[in-house]
């Protein structure tokens, strides 16, 4: 079975749950220093207050757990988070755009290359614990390849 990066990341990040959300308090504490244009975009697309925009900015969304600051910043999401959470295709497109924007696309064969997985992990999940994230990617990859429930 051919397994791609999107399937692996979706399993690691949310167990494939289209509606998953995860608030990141440490990001929220820094929101006042976030790009004003991104926060304005969040407020406009979600018709919300400054506080709610800061929460959206500081939360990861959907199957791939893409951060709000990425969705409404470089990825240019022009819909509200409720629409985003209900649209599997939009989530897949956002993940693909994130990988393209950050030049971290991996082909299925790259999923066997620990160096490439490590570079991806550092970009996608942050540099804090790359080895742990790579281990989780490999475990999900192996379960998906075996056809086992993730």
C-alpha atoms as a PDB file:
ATOM      1  CA  UNK A   1       0.000   0.000   0.000  1.00  0.00           C
ATOM      2  CA  UNK A   2       1.363   3.438  -0.955  1.00  0.00           C
ATOM      3  CA  UNK A   3       1.153   5.841   1.960  1.00  0.00           C
ATOM      4  CA  UNK A   4       1.724   9.569   1.522  1.00  0.00           C
ATOM      5  CA  UNK A   5       2.854  12.323   3.869  1.00  0.00           C
ATOM      6  CA  UNK A   6      -0.644  13.767   4.269  1.00  0.00           C
ATOM      7  CA  UNK A   7      -2.080  10.467   5.504  1.00  0.00           C
ATOM      8  CA  UNK A   8       0.776  10.025   7.974  1.00  0.00           C
ATOM      9  CA  UNK A   9       0.586  13.559   9.350  1.00  0.00           C
ATOM     10  CA  UNK A  10      -3.198  13.375   9.680  1.00  0.00           C
ATOM     11  CA  UNK A  11      -2.834  10.242  11.790  1.00  0.00           C
ATOM     12  CA  UNK A  12      -0.128  11.721  13.996  1.00  0.00           C
ATOM     13  CA  UNK A  13      -1.794  15.090  14.474  1.00  0.00           C
ATOM     14  CA  UNK A  14      -5.457  14.198  14.914  1.00  0.00           C
ATOM     15  CA  UNK A  15      -6.047  10.509  14.308  1.00  0.00           C
ATOM     16  CA  UNK A  16      -7.649  11.676  11.059  1.00  0.00           C
ATOM     17  CA  UNK A  17     -10.293  13.767  12.860  1.00  0.00           C
ATOM     18  CA  UNK A  18     -11.521  16.461  10.474  1.00  0.00           C
ATOM     19  CA  UNK A  19     -12.860  18.526  13.385  1.00  0.00           C
ATOM     20  CA  UNK A  20      -9.861  18.371  15.734  1.00  0.00           C
ATOM     21  CA  UNK A  21      -8.720  21.585  17.404  1.00  0.00           C
ATOM     22  CA  UNK A  22      -5.854  22.239  19.814  1.00  0.00           C
ATOM     23  CA  UNK A  23      -5.330  25.531  21.590  1.00  0.00           C
ATOM     24  CA  UNK A  24      -1.676  26.520  22.103  1.00  0.00           C
ATOM     25  CA  UNK A  25      -1.449  28.772  25.191  1.00  0.00           C
ATOM     26  CA  UNK A  26       2.218  29.640  24.622  1.00  0.00           C
ATOM     27  CA  UNK A  27       1.375  30.987  21.155  1.00  0.00           C
ATOM     28  CA  UNK A  28      -1.586  32.886  22.601  1.00  0.00           C
ATOM     29  CA  UNK A  29       0.719  34.650  25.068  1.00  0.00           C
ATOM     30  CA  UNK A  30       2.683  36.009  22.088  1.00  0.00           C
ATOM     31  CA  UNK A  31      -0.347  36.898  19.930  1.00  0.00           C
ATOM     32  CA  UNK A  32      -0.141  40.616  20.612  1.00  0.00           C
ATOM     33  CA  UNK A  33       3.151  40.487  18.737  1.00  0.00           C
ATOM     34  CA  UNK A  34       1.620  38.637  15.782  1.00  0.00           C
ATOM     35  CA  UNK A  35       1.313  40.231  12.363  1.00  0.00           C
ATOM     36  CA  UNK A  36      -1.544  42.730  12.371  1.00  0.00           C
ATOM     37  CA  UNK A  37      -2.560  41.769   8.815  1.00  0.00           C
ATOM     38  CA  UNK A  38      -3.019  38.132   9.879  1.00  0.00           C
ATOM     39  CA  UNK A  39      -5.143  39.097  12.881  1.00  0.00           C
ATOM     40  CA  UNK A  40      -7.245  41.425  10.727  1.00  0.00           C
ATOM     41  CA  UNK A  41      -7.761  38.623   8.193  1.00  0.00           C
ATOM     42  CA  UNK A  42      -8.892  36.292  10.988  1.00  0.00           C
ATOM     43  CA  UNK A  43     -11.333  38.900  12.320  1.00  0.00           C
ATOM     44  CA  UNK A  44     -12.726  39.558   8.847  1.00  0.00           C
ATOM     45  CA  UNK A  45     -13.144  35.918   7.813  1.00  0.00           C
ATOM     46  CA  UNK A  46     -14.638  34.858  11.149  1.00  0.00           C
ATOM     47  CA  UNK A  47     -16.542  38.050  12.009  1.00  0.00           C
ATOM     48  CA  UNK A  48     -15.129  37.963  15.501  1.00  0.00           C
ATOM     49  CA  UNK A  49     -13.633  40.048  18.290  1.00  0.00           C
ATOM     50  CA  UNK A  50      -9.953  40.728  18.885  1.00  0.00           C
ATOM     51  CA  UNK A  51      -9.886  38.082  21.636  1.00  0.00           C
ATOM     52  CA  UNK A  52     -11.469  35.430  19.447  1.00  0.00           C
ATOM     53  CA  UNK A  53      -9.080  36.303  16.620  1.00  0.00           C
ATOM     54  CA  UNK A  54      -6.165  35.785  19.026  1.00  0.00           C
ATOM     55  CA  UNK A  55      -7.584  32.370  19.985  1.00  0.00           C
ATOM     56  CA  UNK A  56      -8.001  31.351  16.319  1.00  0.00           C
ATOM     57  CA  UNK A  57      -4.456  32.560  15.600  1.00  0.00           C
ATOM     58  CA  UNK A  58      -3.178  30.429  18.500  1.00  0.00           C
ATOM     59  CA  UNK A  59      -5.052  27.209  17.730  1.00  0.00           C
ATOM     60  CA  UNK A  60      -4.265  24.350  15.386  1.00  0.00           C
ATOM     61  CA  UNK A  61      -7.139  23.193  13.223  1.00  0.00           C
ATOM     62  CA  UNK A  62      -8.403  20.037  11.520  1.00  0.00           C
ATOM     63  CA  UNK A  63      -6.859  16.756  10.455  1.00  0.00           C
ATOM     64  CA  UNK A  64      -3.410  18.270   9.933  1.00  0.00           C
ATOM     65  CA  UNK A  65      -3.516  20.654  12.909  1.00  0.00           C
ATOM     66  CA  UNK A  66      -2.405  23.650  10.855  1.00  0.00           C
ATOM     67  CA  UNK A  67      -1.931  26.665  13.093  1.00  0.00           C
ATOM     68  CA  UNK A  68      -4.315  29.584  12.679  1.00  0.00           C
ATOM     69  CA  UNK A  69      -1.418  31.975  12.114  1.00  0.00           C
ATOM     70  CA  UNK A  70      -0.389  29.846   9.123  1.00  0.00           C
ATOM     71  CA  UNK A  71      -3.934  29.439   7.782  1.00  0.00           C
ATOM     72  CA  UNK A  72      -4.667  33.154   7.820  1.00  0.00           C
ATOM     73  CA  UNK A  73      -1.126  34.334   7.180  1.00  0.00           C
ATOM     74  CA  UNK A  74       0.981  32.733   4.451  1.00  0.00           C
ATOM     75  CA  UNK A  75      -1.705  30.229   3.398  1.00  0.00           C
ATOM     76  CA  UNK A  76      -4.246  33.014   2.869  1.00  0.00           C
ATOM     77  CA  UNK A  77      -7.383  31.185   4.056  1.00  0.00           C
ATOM     78  CA  UNK A  78     -10.403  33.238   3.032  1.00  0.00           C
ATOM     79  CA  UNK A  79     -13.059  31.311   4.972  1.00  0.00           C
ATOM     80  CA  UNK A  80     -14.018  30.968   8.604  1.00  0.00           C
ATOM     81  CA  UNK A  81     -12.726  28.180  10.813  1.00  0.00           C
ATOM     82  CA  UNK A  82     -16.136  26.492  10.974  1.00  0.00           C
ATOM     83  CA  UNK A  83     -16.137  26.151   7.192  1.00  0.00           C
ATOM     84  CA  UNK A  84     -12.531  24.979   7.313  1.00  0.00           C
ATOM     85  CA  UNK A  85     -13.308  22.261   9.871  1.00  0.00           C
ATOM     86  CA  UNK A  86     -16.115  20.935   7.695  1.00  0.00           C
ATOM     87  CA  UNK A  87     -14.179  20.797   4.427  1.00  0.00           C
ATOM     88  CA  UNK A  88     -11.797  17.845   3.989  1.00  0.00           C
ATOM     89  CA  UNK A  89     -10.623  19.084   0.586  1.00  0.00           C
ATOM     90  CA  UNK A  90      -9.818  22.552   1.917  1.00  0.00           C
ATOM     91  CA  UNK A  91      -7.845  21.029   4.776  1.00  0.00           C
ATOM     92  CA  UNK A  92      -5.886  18.843   2.348  1.00  0.00           C
ATOM     93  CA  UNK A  93      -5.217  21.867   0.129  1.00  0.00           C
ATOM     94  CA  UNK A  94      -4.008  23.883   3.123  1.00  0.00           C
ATOM     95  CA  UNK A  95      -1.628  21.113   4.158  1.00  0.00           C
ATOM     96  CA  UNK A  96      -0.291  20.883   0.616  1.00  0.00           C
ATOM     97  CA  UNK A  97       0.119  24.666   0.426  1.00  0.00           C
ATOM     98  CA  UNK A  98       1.939  24.660   3.769  1.00  0.00           C
ATOM     99  CA  UNK A  99       4.371  22.038   2.451  1.00  0.00           C
ATOM    100  CA  UNK A 100       4.879  23.955  -0.796  1.00  0.00           C
ATOM    101  CA  UNK A 101       5.310  27.306   0.967  1.00  0.00           C
ATOM    102  CA  UNK A 102       7.876  25.824   3.368  1.00  0.00           C
ATOM    103  CA  UNK A 103       9.492  23.592   0.741  1.00  0.00           C
ATOM    104  CA  UNK A 104       8.981  20.511   2.861  1.00  0.00           C
ATOM    105  CA  UNK A 105       7.063  18.243   0.488  1.00  0.00           C
ATOM    106  CA  UNK A 106       7.970  14.585   0.798  1.00  0.00           C
ATOM    107  CA  UNK A 107       7.315  11.882  -1.772  1.00  0.00           C
ATOM    108  CA  UNK A 108       6.082   8.510  -0.461  1.00  0.00           C
ATOM    109  CA  UNK A 109       9.627   7.109  -0.797  1.00  0.00           C
ATOM    110  CA  UNK A 110      10.936   9.954   1.402  1.00  0.00           C
ATOM    111  CA  UNK A 111       8.922   8.551   4.293  1.00  0.00           C
ATOM    112  CA  UNK A 112      11.691   5.950   4.655  1.00  0.00           C
ATOM    113  CA  UNK A 113      14.411   8.599   4.947  1.00  0.00           C
ATOM    114  CA  UNK A 114      14.927   9.636   8.581  1.00  0.00           C
ATOM    115  CA  UNK A 115      16.891  12.714   7.526  1.00  0.00           C
ATOM    116  CA  UNK A 116      14.058  13.989   5.348  1.00  0.00           C
ATOM    117  CA  UNK A 117      11.499  13.136   8.039  1.00  0.00           C
ATOM    118  CA  UNK A 118      13.591  15.043  10.577  1.00  0.00           C
ATOM    119  CA  UNK A 119      13.788  18.129   8.366  1.00  0.00           C
ATOM    120  CA  UNK A 120      10.029  17.981   7.834  1.00  0.00           C
ATOM    121  CA  UNK A 121       9.382  17.485  11.561  1.00  0.00           C
ATOM    122  CA  UNK A 122      11.489  20.511  12.511  1.00  0.00           C
ATOM    123  CA  UNK A 123       9.494  22.708  10.136  1.00  0.00           C
ATOM    124  CA  UNK A 124       6.050  21.280  10.769  1.00  0.00           C
ATOM    125  CA  UNK A 125       6.107  20.558  14.478  1.00  0.00           C
ATOM    126  CA  UNK A 126       8.934  22.844  15.557  1.00  0.00           C
ATOM    127  CA  UNK A 127      12.486  22.133  16.606  1.00  0.00           C
ATOM    128  CA  UNK A 128      11.608  21.246  20.210  1.00  0.00           C
ATOM    129  CA  UNK A 129      11.464  17.460  19.969  1.00  0.00           C
ATOM    130  CA  UNK A 130      12.205  16.343  16.436  1.00  0.00           C
ATOM    131  CA  UNK A 131      13.184  12.778  17.365  1.00  0.00           C
ATOM    132  CA  UNK A 132       9.873  12.135  19.136  1.00  0.00           C
ATOM    133  CA  UNK A 133       7.847  13.543  16.249  1.00  0.00           C
ATOM    134  CA  UNK A 134       9.831  11.467  13.730  1.00  0.00           C
ATOM    135  CA  UNK A 135       9.147   8.361  15.821  1.00  0.00           C
ATOM    136  CA  UNK A 136       5.441   9.139  15.736  1.00  0.00           C
ATOM    137  CA  UNK A 137       5.548   9.700  11.958  1.00  0.00           C
ATOM    138  CA  UNK A 138       7.321   6.370  11.430  1.00  0.00           C
ATOM    139  CA  UNK A 139       4.868   4.502  13.671  1.00  0.00           C
ATOM    140  CA  UNK A 140       1.880   5.989  11.810  1.00  0.00           C
ATOM    141  CA  UNK A 141       3.520   5.249   8.441  1.00  0.00           C
ATOM    142  CA  UNK A 142       4.080   1.622   9.425  1.00  0.00           C
ATOM    143  CA  UNK A 143       0.511   1.175  10.733  1.00  0.00           C
ATOM    144  CA  UNK A 144      -0.932   2.696   7.558  1.00  0.00           C
ATOM    145  CA  UNK A 145       1.271   0.550   5.323  1.00  0.00           C
ATOM    146  CA  UNK A 146       0.191  -2.560   7.204  1.00  0.00           C
ATOM    147  CA  UNK A 147      -3.445  -1.554   6.724  1.00  0.00           C
ATOM    148  CA  UNK A 148      -3.918  -1.545  10.494  1.00  0.00           C
ATOM    149  CA  UNK A 149      -6.180   0.930  12.209  1.00  0.00           C
ATOM    150  CA  UNK A 150      -4.115   4.003  13.005  1.00  0.00           C
END
